[in-house]
Amino acid sequence: MSEVYNSKYFVTGGGTGGHIYPALAVADKLSEEAKIYYVGNKRNMEFELASKKGYKFLHVSVSSMPRKLSPKFFIWGIKLVKAILRSVRYIKKYKPDAVFATGGYVSAPMIFAAIITKTPYIMHDCDAMPGLVTRRLSKRAKYVTLAFENAKKFIPNKHTVVTGNPIREEFKTTSKNTAKAEMGLDNRLTLCIMGGSQGAKSINSTAIELLKEFSRELNLQVIFQTGKKNYEDVIERLQKIYPAYEQDKNLVIRPYFDNMVSVLKSSDIVISRAGSLSLSEICASETAPILIPYPYAAANHQRINAKCLLEMGACIYVEDKDLEPNKLREIITGLLDNPVKMNYLKQNASHLAKYDAAKNITELLKSI
């Protein structure tokens, strides 16, 4: 027998994990007592992730805005209007109590529709420099929730609340020993190398040169997420540099890990880009972060995110242009030789973790 709920909510956000996972964390919390509809583009990863959780998926055909005036811009504008009209129809059909949006182009049509239909909505932004959609459409939001205190000055709304990023409940409940067992690792120092779901070529190239040394000489267990697009290239290069890598039990190399909770919670040091959700999950995993911001991120938001952690003594910061094997080797050996510094970074990062963000955002949604 299907459950009958008195409350209904639309949750929207997509395109990248940084928009999708916070939206899903809030959806999971809301779903304990309400019916959830997930609004996104079925050609993006949000369709698979939301559908796996059993949420009814409402498709909107929308893409990112072209940066220059051209025929593509006008075609995009026509598609956006169609997506807004479709979103209005969704609201009229399902009558949600409120909309929760995590910013980005995927959420824009539903936010416009909420404004048109006078449906209350809350927006969340993950970055220290909020995205364009949040800056432009947050004025009429009932609340705007933020990951960073620094972001407040960019938001034209007095009702801003710094909640941190909504993260999965498992980050709070999974221990390091349990996570290492799930990853098939021993209870020893573990290094995670990742560049997001798509990977990062500069991080990959540097890591390939050092994997044998990290494993054989430093006796580190290494979890290496190459990114789906870069996996074959990484393996091809690794076979030339370290042909015996497949027999090395210290190395776990995958294009992508579905369970990032186990990956991060099992790690003691993490080398990563500086997307906001990644930072929130790293901080919730008691790790020492080495951050290499993507230099071409929109509005320079990754550098701004990473420098916020740097100011708190919660990371080692490296510019992408400065990343090379000798530099990374020096940083890693420096941490191994100085456990006090490693623990200092771990503790400062952990103090920034906000495990109750999803719960607090859910309370705000129910209040409106």
Protein backbone atom coordinates (compact mmCIF):
# COMPACT_ATOMS: atom_id res chain seq x y z
CA MET A 1 0.00 0.00 0.00
CA SER A 2 1.45 3.37 -1.04
CA GLU A 3 1.95 6.02 1.61
CA VAL A 4 -0.33 9.06 1.66
CA TYR A 5 1.38 12.37 2.43
CA ASN A 6 -0.19 15.69 3.30
CA SER A 7 2.84 17.66 2.06
CA LYS A 8 4.45 17.80 -1.39
CA TYR A 9 7.72 19.44 -2.40
CA PHE A 10 9.55 20.07 -5.64
CA VAL A 11 13.33 19.71 -5.42
CA THR A 12 15.42 20.96 -8.34
CA GLY A 13 19.09 21.20 -9.23
CA GLY A 14 21.27 19.41 -11.74
CA GLY A 15 24.06 19.27 -14.24
CA THR A 16 26.85 18.62 -11.72
CA GLY A 17 27.20 16.71 -8.47
CA GLY A 18 27.62 20.00 -6.63
CA HIS A 19 24.00 20.87 -7.44
CA ILE A 20 22.53 17.36 -7.35
CA TYR A 21 23.85 15.80 -4.13
CA PRO A 22 22.79 18.69 -1.83
CA ALA A 23 19.34 18.60 -3.47
CA LEU A 24 19.11 14.85 -2.89
CA ALA A 25 20.27 15.19 0.73
CA VAL A 26 17.37 17.59 1.40
CA ALA A 27 14.97 15.44 -0.63
CA ASP A 28 15.91 12.40 1.48
CA LYS A 29 15.20 14.31 4.68
CA LEU A 30 11.90 15.69 3.37
CA SER A 31 10.82 12.29 2.07
CA GLU A 32 10.47 11.01 5.64
CA GLU A 33 7.17 12.87 5.82
CA ALA A 34 6.37 14.32 2.38
CA LYS A 35 5.99 13.39 -1.28
CA ILE A 36 9.00 14.50 -3.36
CA TYR A 37 9.10 15.42 -7.04
CA TYR A 38 12.56 15.94 -8.54
CA VAL A 39 12.76 18.48 -11.36
CA GLY A 40 15.70 18.25 -13.74
CA ASN A 41 16.95 17.35 -17.19
CA LYS A 42 16.63 13.64 -17.96
CA ARG A 43 19.78 13.84 -20.11
CA ASN A 44 21.86 14.80 -17.06
CA MET A 45 23.09 12.67 -14.16
CA GLU A 46 20.31 13.93 -11.85
CA PHE A 47 17.85 11.69 -13.71
CA GLU A 48 19.69 8.49 -12.85
CA LEU A 49 20.47 9.53 -9.26
CA ALA A 50 16.96 10.76 -8.41
CA SER A 51 15.29 7.81 -10.14
CA LYS A 52 17.44 5.33 -8.18
CA LYS A 53 15.99 6.79 -5.00
CA GLY A 54 12.46 6.36 -6.30
CA TYR A 55 11.55 10.05 -6.69
CA LYS A 56 9.08 10.96 -9.42
CA PHE A 57 11.18 12.81 -12.02
CA LEU A 58 9.79 15.83 -13.86
CA HIS A 59 11.78 16.62 -16.99
CA VAL A 60 12.67 20.13 -18.15
CA SER A 61 14.73 20.58 -21.32
CA VAL A 62 17.24 23.24 -20.36
CA SER A 63 20.94 23.91 -20.97
CA SER A 64 23.51 26.41 -19.78
CA MET A 65 23.30 29.96 -21.13
CA PRO A 66 25.63 30.81 -24.05
CA ARG A 67 28.03 33.56 -22.99
CA LYS A 68 27.90 35.46 -26.31
CA LEU A 69 25.09 36.94 -28.40
CA SER A 70 24.62 34.57 -31.32
CA PRO A 71 21.86 32.51 -32.96
CA LYS A 72 22.53 29.90 -30.25
CA PHE A 73 21.64 32.46 -27.58
CA PHE A 74 18.20 33.11 -29.10
CA ILE A 75 17.52 29.38 -29.53
CA TRP A 76 18.49 28.92 -25.87
CA GLY A 77 16.08 31.74 -24.89
CA ILE A 78 13.17 30.05 -26.71
CA LYS A 79 13.95 26.72 -25.00
CA LEU A 80 14.13 28.46 -21.62
CA VAL A 81 10.66 29.97 -22.11
CA LYS A 82 9.29 26.54 -23.04
CA ALA A 83 10.93 25.03 -19.94
CA ILE A 84 9.40 27.74 -17.73
CA LEU A 85 5.92 27.11 -19.18
CA ARG A 86 6.33 23.39 -18.62
CA SER A 87 7.42 24.07 -15.03
CA VAL A 88 4.30 26.22 -14.50
CA ARG A 89 2.19 23.30 -15.70
CA TYR A 90 3.96 20.98 -13.25
CA ILE A 91 3.15 23.34 -10.38
CA LYS A 92 -0.51 23.62 -11.40
CA LYS A 93 -0.79 19.84 -11.77
CA TYR A 94 0.96 18.69 -8.57
CA LYS A 95 0.49 21.79 -6.36
CA PRO A 96 3.69 21.60 -4.27
CA ASP A 97 3.79 23.32 -0.88
CA ALA A 98 7.20 24.78 -1.72
CA VAL A 99 10.18 24.48 -4.05
CA PHE A 100 13.78 23.85 -3.00
CA ALA A 101 16.42 24.81 -5.59
CA THR A 102 20.19 24.42 -5.46
CA GLY A 103 20.96 27.00 -8.14
CA GLY A 104 22.54 26.44 -11.55
CA TYR A 105 20.86 26.55 -14.94
CA VAL A 106 18.77 23.39 -14.37
CA SER A 107 16.86 24.98 -11.49
CA ALA A 108 16.20 28.31 -13.26
CA PRO A 109 12.94 27.36 -15.10
CA MET A 110 11.31 26.05 -11.92
CA ILE A 111 12.33 29.14 -9.93
CA PHE A 112 10.81 31.39 -12.60
CA ALA A 113 7.68 29.21 -12.49
CA ALA A 114 7.52 29.51 -8.71
CA ILE A 115 7.69 33.30 -8.99
CA ILE A 116 4.95 33.34 -11.67
CA THR A 117 2.64 31.08 -9.66
CA LYS A 118 3.54 32.66 -6.30
CA THR A 119 4.72 29.33 -4.97
CA PRO A 120 7.13 29.81 -2.03
CA TYR A 121 10.70 28.73 -2.68
CA ILE A 122 14.04 28.43 -0.92
CA MET A 123 17.36 28.61 -2.75
CA HIS A 124 20.64 27.09 -1.63
CA ASP A 125 24.08 28.05 -2.94
CA CYS A 126 27.12 25.89 -2.35
CA ASP A 127 29.93 28.33 -3.13
CA ALA A 128 31.68 31.24 -1.46
CA MET A 129 30.94 33.14 -4.70
CA PRO A 130 27.26 32.36 -5.44
CA GLY A 131 26.34 31.43 -8.99
CA LEU A 132 24.54 33.68 -11.48
CA VAL A 133 21.13 32.01 -11.03
CA THR A 134 21.27 32.44 -7.25
CA ARG A 135 22.38 36.07 -7.45
CA ARG A 136 19.64 36.97 -9.95
CA LEU A 137 16.69 34.91 -8.69
CA SER A 138 17.12 34.81 -4.91
CA LYS A 139 15.53 38.20 -4.22
CA ARG A 140 12.00 36.76 -3.89
CA ALA A 141 13.02 33.56 -2.11
CA LYS A 142 11.55 33.04 1.35
CA TYR A 143 15.04 32.07 2.52
CA VAL A 144 18.45 31.67 0.94
CA THR A 145 20.66 29.07 2.58
CA LEU A 146 24.42 29.25 2.09
CA ALA A 147 27.50 27.12 2.60
CA PHE A 148 29.82 30.07 3.27
CA GLU A 149 29.44 33.18 5.44
CA ASN A 150 31.38 35.13 2.78
CA ALA A 151 28.58 34.54 0.27
CA LYS A 152 26.07 36.69 2.18
CA LYS A 153 27.30 39.97 0.69
CA PHE A 154 26.40 38.80 -2.82
CA ILE A 155 22.78 37.85 -2.03
CA PRO A 156 20.01 40.50 -2.46
CA ASN A 157 17.86 38.93 0.25
CA LYS A 158 17.81 39.70 3.97
CA HIS A 159 16.63 36.21 4.87
CA THR A 160 19.94 34.40 4.40
CA VAL A 161 20.99 31.54 6.66
CA VAL A 162 24.45 29.94 6.69
CA THR A 163 23.61 26.25 7.04
CA GLY A 164 26.56 24.65 5.29
CA ASN A 165 26.00 22.26 2.41
CA PRO A 166 23.49 19.44 2.86
CA ILE A 167 25.46 16.18 2.89
CA ARG A 168 24.46 12.56 3.15
CA GLU A 169 23.64 11.20 6.60
CA GLU A 170 26.28 8.47 6.20
CA PHE A 171 29.08 11.01 6.61
CA LYS A 172 27.95 11.39 10.20
CA THR A 173 27.41 7.72 10.97
CA THR A 174 30.24 5.89 9.12
CA SER A 175 33.51 5.37 10.99
CA LYS A 176 36.95 5.36 9.35
CA ASN A 177 37.54 1.71 10.20
CA THR A 178 34.19 0.70 8.70
CA ALA A 179 34.88 2.75 5.56
CA LYS A 180 38.33 1.20 5.11
CA ALA A 181 36.86 -2.28 5.47
CA GLU A 182 34.22 -1.44 2.83
CA MET A 183 37.00 -0.30 0.48
CA GLY A 184 38.98 -3.49 1.13
CA LEU A 185 41.78 -1.52 2.80
CA ASP A 186 43.85 -2.10 5.92
CA ASN A 187 43.71 0.21 8.91
CA ARG A 188 46.71 2.24 7.66
CA LEU A 189 47.32 5.74 6.32
CA THR A 190 45.31 6.25 3.14
CA LEU A 191 45.62 8.92 0.45
CA CYS A 192 42.70 9.84 -1.82
CA ILE A 193 43.40 11.52 -5.17
CA MET A 194 40.41 12.88 -7.06
CA GLY A 195 39.43 15.63 -9.46
CA GLY A 196 35.67 15.37 -9.31
CA SER A 197 33.40 13.07 -11.33
CA GLN A 198 35.00 14.21 -14.60
CA GLY A 199 38.55 14.02 -13.27
CA ALA A 200 41.33 16.61 -13.53
CA LYS A 201 44.13 16.15 -16.05
CA SER A 202 46.77 18.10 -14.13
CA ILE A 203 46.09 16.15 -10.92
CA ASN A 204 46.02 12.85 -12.83
CA SER A 205 49.29 13.54 -14.67
CA THR A 206 51.11 14.42 -11.48
CA ALA A 207 49.67 11.46 -9.56
CA ILE A 208 50.66 8.92 -12.23
CA GLU A 209 54.33 9.85 -11.74
CA LEU A 210 54.12 9.26 -7.99
CA LEU A 211 51.84 6.24 -7.46
CA LYS A 212 54.66 3.66 -7.34
CA GLU A 213 56.65 5.81 -4.91
CA PHE A 214 53.66 6.49 -2.67
CA SER A 215 52.84 2.78 -2.46
CA ARG A 216 56.27 1.10 -2.42
CA GLU A 217 58.42 3.66 -0.60
CA LEU A 218 55.92 5.50 1.61
CA ASN A 219 53.66 2.47 2.16
CA LEU A 220 50.54 4.55 1.58
CA GLN A 221 47.25 3.05 0.51
CA VAL A 222 46.02 5.14 -2.44
CA ILE A 223 42.47 5.58 -3.71
CA PHE A 224 42.65 7.21 -7.15
CA GLN A 225 39.52 8.48 -8.93
CA THR A 226 40.61 9.36 -12.46
CA GLY A 227 37.31 10.61 -13.85
CA LYS A 228 35.37 8.69 -16.48
CA LYS A 229 36.81 10.63 -19.44
CA ASN A 230 40.42 10.20 -18.37
CA TYR A 231 40.51 6.61 -17.11
CA GLU A 232 41.81 4.91 -20.27
CA ASP A 233 44.52 7.53 -20.73
CA VAL A 234 45.61 7.17 -17.09
CA ILE A 235 45.81 3.36 -17.34
CA GLU A 236 47.74 3.53 -20.63
CA ARG A 237 50.33 5.87 -19.11
CA LEU A 238 50.49 3.95 -15.85
CA GLN A 239 51.24 0.69 -17.68
CA LYS A 240 54.36 2.32 -19.12
CA ILE A 241 55.54 3.88 -15.85
CA TYR A 242 54.53 1.13 -13.42
CA PRO A 243 53.60 -2.10 -15.28
CA ALA A 244 53.03 -4.02 -12.02
CA TYR A 245 50.38 -1.60 -10.72
CA GLU A 246 47.59 -4.20 -11.05
CA GLN A 247 49.30 -6.48 -8.52
CA ASP A 248 49.82 -3.62 -6.06
CA LYS A 249 47.29 -4.11 -3.25
CA ASN A 250 47.94 -0.57 -1.99
CA LEU A 251 46.30 0.93 -5.08
CA VAL A 252 42.57 1.25 -5.77
CA ILE A 253 42.11 2.94 -9.16
CA ARG A 254 38.65 3.57 -10.65
CA PRO A 255 37.15 6.00 -13.17
CA TYR A 256 34.47 6.92 -10.63
CA PHE A 257 33.23 5.78 -7.23
CA ASP A 258 29.48 5.70 -6.58
CA ASN A 259 30.03 5.57 -2.82
CA MET A 260 32.11 8.65 -2.04
CA VAL A 261 31.21 8.29 1.64
CA SER A 262 33.39 5.18 1.94
CA VAL A 263 36.13 6.71 -0.24
CA LEU A 264 36.46 9.92 1.78
CA LYS A 265 35.80 8.49 5.23
CA SER A 266 38.52 5.87 4.67
CA SER A 267 41.06 8.57 3.71
CA ASP A 268 43.53 10.45 5.90
CA ILE A 269 44.80 12.86 3.22
CA VAL A 270 42.77 14.04 0.22
CA ILE A 271 44.09 15.71 -2.94
CA SER A 272 41.15 17.42 -4.62
CA ARG A 273 39.76 20.27 -6.64
CA ALA A 274 37.79 22.81 -4.59
CA GLY A 275 34.17 22.41 -5.62
CA SER A 276 32.03 23.35 -2.65
CA LEU A 277 30.28 20.01 -2.17
CA SER A 278 33.59 18.16 -2.32
CA LEU A 279 34.91 20.49 0.38
CA SER A 280 31.87 19.89 2.59
CA GLU A 281 32.24 16.13 2.25
CA ILE A 282 36.01 16.30 2.83
CA CYS A 283 35.50 18.34 6.01
CA ALA A 284 32.93 15.79 7.21
CA SER A 285 35.44 12.97 6.69
CA GLU A 286 38.22 13.96 9.13
CA THR A 287 40.89 14.29 6.45
CA ALA A 288 43.83 16.61 5.75
CA PRO A 289 42.90 18.39 2.47
CA ILE A 290 45.36 19.40 -0.25
CA LEU A 291 43.34 21.65 -2.55
CA ILE A 292 44.19 22.47 -6.16
CA PRO A 293 41.38 24.75 -7.43
CA TYR A 294 40.28 24.45 -11.05
CA PRO A 295 41.65 27.71 -12.49
CA TYR A 296 38.86 28.21 -15.05
CA ALA A 297 35.86 27.76 -12.75
CA ALA A 298 33.04 30.27 -13.24
CA ALA A 299 33.55 33.49 -11.23
CA ASN A 300 36.78 31.94 -9.90
CA HIS A 301 34.63 30.23 -7.27
CA GLN A 302 36.96 27.28 -6.61
CA ARG A 303 39.88 29.54 -5.65
CA ILE A 304 37.57 31.54 -3.38
CA ASN A 305 36.24 28.32 -1.78
CA ALA A 306 39.74 26.96 -1.17
CA LYS A 307 41.06 30.23 0.25
CA CYS A 308 38.19 30.28 2.76
CA LEU A 309 39.51 26.94 4.09
CA LEU A 310 43.09 28.17 3.94
CA GLU A 311 42.20 31.16 6.13
CA MET A 312 40.79 28.70 8.68
CA GLY A 313 43.97 26.62 8.70
CA ALA A 314 41.99 23.75 7.21
CA CYS A 315 43.92 22.92 4.01
CA ILE A 316 47.14 23.10 2.04
CA TYR A 317 46.57 25.30 -1.03
CA VAL A 318 48.33 24.72 -4.38
CA GLU A 319 47.75 26.63 -7.61
CA ASP A 320 47.13 24.39 -10.62
CA LYS A 321 50.05 25.97 -12.52
CA ASP A 322 52.41 25.08 -9.65
CA LEU A 323 51.39 21.43 -9.46
CA GLU A 324 54.16 19.01 -10.46
CA PRO A 325 55.55 15.75 -9.02
CA ASN A 326 58.35 17.26 -6.88
CA LYS A 327 55.92 19.75 -5.31
CA LEU A 328 53.33 17.08 -4.49
CA ARG A 329 55.97 14.66 -3.18
CA GLU A 330 57.28 17.39 -0.87
CA ILE A 331 53.79 18.12 0.49
CA ILE A 332 52.92 14.46 1.12
CA THR A 333 56.25 13.58 2.77
CA GLY A 334 55.98 16.78 4.81
CA LEU A 335 52.64 15.61 6.24
CA LEU A 336 53.91 12.08 6.88
CA ASP A 337 56.97 13.45 8.70
CA ASN A 338 54.83 15.86 10.71
CA PRO A 339 51.79 14.04 12.16
CA VAL A 340 51.05 17.06 14.34
CA LYS A 341 50.49 19.20 11.23
CA MET A 342 48.37 16.47 9.64
CA ASN A 343 46.15 16.26 12.71
CA TYR A 344 45.96 20.07 12.87
CA LEU A 345 44.56 20.15 9.32
CA LYS A 346 42.18 17.27 10.07
CA GLN A 347 40.82 18.93 13.19
CA ASN A 348 40.39 22.36 11.59
CA ALA A 349 38.64 20.84 8.59
CA SER A 350 36.38 18.77 10.86
CA HIS A 351 35.37 21.88 12.80
CA LEU A 352 33.96 23.32 9.55
CA ALA A 353 31.70 20.30 8.96
CA LYS A 354 27.98 20.97 9.28
CA TYR A 355 26.21 17.63 9.58
CA ASP A 356 22.76 19.08 10.24
CA ALA A 357 22.42 21.28 7.13
CA ALA A 358 19.79 19.04 5.48
CA LYS A 359 17.76 18.92 8.69
CA ASN A 360 17.92 22.71 9.17
CA ILE A 361 16.95 23.42 5.56
CA THR A 362 14.06 20.96 5.85
CA GLU A 363 12.79 22.84 8.92
CA LEU A 364 12.89 26.11 6.96
CA LEU A 365 10.96 24.53 4.08
CA LYS A 366 8.26 23.26 6.46
CA SER A 367 8.03 26.69 8.08
CA ILE A 368 7.13 28.44 4.82
